[in-house]
């Protein structure tokens, strides 16, 4: 019963997601943040990185 309900909910959510028409344009691409220059700490527990915006 739970499996059938889960599958039904998944199908309904997928149907709504298919109808949503989200566009990705050039301005969205320009506003993305870029991650770069990763540096791992000596003990290997942490990573430091820079975030930049191409504007």
C-alpha atoms as a PDB file:
ATOM      1  CA  UNK A   1       0.000   0.000   0.000  1.00  0.00           C
ATOM      2  CA  UNK A   2       2.749   2.467   0.934  1.00  0.00           C
ATOM      3  CA  UNK A   3       4.700   1.593  -2.191  1.00  0.00           C
ATOM      4  CA  UNK A   4       1.676   2.203  -4.422  1.00  0.00           C
ATOM      5  CA  UNK A   5       1.011   5.532  -2.729  1.00  0.00           C
ATOM      6  CA  UNK A   6       4.671   6.533  -3.115  1.00  0.00           C
ATOM      7  CA  UNK A   7       4.622   5.699  -6.819  1.00  0.00           C
ATOM      8  CA  UNK A   8       1.390   7.645  -7.295  1.00  0.00           C
ATOM      9  CA  UNK A   9       2.806  10.707  -5.530  1.00  0.00           C
ATOM     10  CA  UNK A  10       5.985  10.463  -7.613  1.00  0.00           C
ATOM     11  CA  UNK A  11       3.959  10.358 -10.838  1.00  0.00           C
ATOM     12  CA  UNK A  12       1.907  13.385  -9.794  1.00  0.00           C
ATOM     13  CA  UNK A  13       5.007  15.382  -8.853  1.00  0.00           C
ATOM     14  CA  UNK A  14       6.686  14.433 -12.136  1.00  0.00           C
ATOM     15  CA  UNK A  15       3.611  15.575 -14.072  1.00  0.00           C
ATOM     16  CA  UNK A  16       3.654  18.984 -12.381  1.00  0.00           C
ATOM     17  CA  UNK A  17       7.411  19.312 -12.911  1.00  0.00           C
ATOM     18  CA  UNK A  18       7.011  18.553 -16.617  1.00  0.00           C
ATOM     19  CA  UNK A  19       4.490  21.369 -16.978  1.00  0.00           C
ATOM     20  CA  UNK A  20       6.708  23.946 -15.293  1.00  0.00           C
ATOM     21  CA  UNK A  21       8.497  25.816 -18.033  1.00  0.00           C
ATOM     22  CA  UNK A  22      11.597  27.262 -16.448  1.00  0.00           C
ATOM     23  CA  UNK A  23      13.948  28.899 -18.900  1.00  0.00           C
ATOM     24  CA  UNK A  24      17.656  29.478 -18.421  1.00  0.00           C
ATOM     25  CA  UNK A  25      18.934  32.469 -20.341  1.00  0.00           C
ATOM     26  CA  UNK A  26      22.214  34.322 -20.821  1.00  0.00           C
ATOM     27  CA  UNK A  27      21.600  36.646 -17.866  1.00  0.00           C
ATOM     28  CA  UNK A  28      21.183  33.631 -15.574  1.00  0.00           C
ATOM     29  CA  UNK A  29      24.480  32.258 -16.844  1.00  0.00           C
ATOM     30  CA  UNK A  30      26.232  35.556 -16.201  1.00  0.00           C
ATOM     31  CA  UNK A  31      24.868  35.734 -12.646  1.00  0.00           C
ATOM     32  CA  UNK A  32      26.126  32.269 -11.700  1.00  0.00           C
ATOM     33  CA  UNK A  33      28.838  32.089  -9.077  1.00  0.00           C
ATOM     34  CA  UNK A  34      32.012  30.227 -10.008  1.00  0.00           C
ATOM     35  CA  UNK A  35      33.938  28.090  -7.522  1.00  0.00           C
ATOM     36  CA  UNK A  36      37.679  27.934  -7.970  1.00  0.00           C
ATOM     37  CA  UNK A  37      41.115  27.419  -6.438  1.00  0.00           C
ATOM     38  CA  UNK A  38      40.321  24.610  -3.977  1.00  0.00           C
ATOM     39  CA  UNK A  39      42.937  24.172  -1.238  1.00  0.00           C
ATOM     40  CA  UNK A  40      42.850  21.146   1.060  1.00  0.00           C
ATOM     41  CA  UNK A  41      43.946  21.623   4.674  1.00  0.00           C
ATOM     42  CA  UNK A  42      47.034  19.692   5.814  1.00  0.00           C
ATOM     43  CA  UNK A  43      44.921  17.271   7.879  1.00  0.00           C
ATOM     44  CA  UNK A  44      42.539  16.681   4.950  1.00  0.00           C
ATOM     45  CA  UNK A  45      39.392  17.636   6.864  1.00  0.00           C
ATOM     46  CA  UNK A  46      38.673  20.994   5.256  1.00  0.00           C
ATOM     47  CA  UNK A  47      38.666  22.559   1.815  1.00  0.00           C
ATOM     48  CA  UNK A  48      38.958  26.304   1.258  1.00  0.00           C
ATOM     49  CA  UNK A  49      37.885  27.734  -2.065  1.00  0.00           C
ATOM     50  CA  UNK A  50      37.132  31.043  -3.689  1.00  0.00           C
ATOM     51  CA  UNK A  51      33.779  32.087  -5.075  1.00  0.00           C
ATOM     52  CA  UNK A  52      33.592  34.668  -7.822  1.00  0.00           C
ATOM     53  CA  UNK A  53      30.879  36.238  -9.853  1.00  0.00           C
ATOM     54  CA  UNK A  54      31.558  36.994 -13.510  1.00  0.00           C
ATOM     55  CA  UNK A  55      30.112  40.462 -13.794  1.00  0.00           C
END
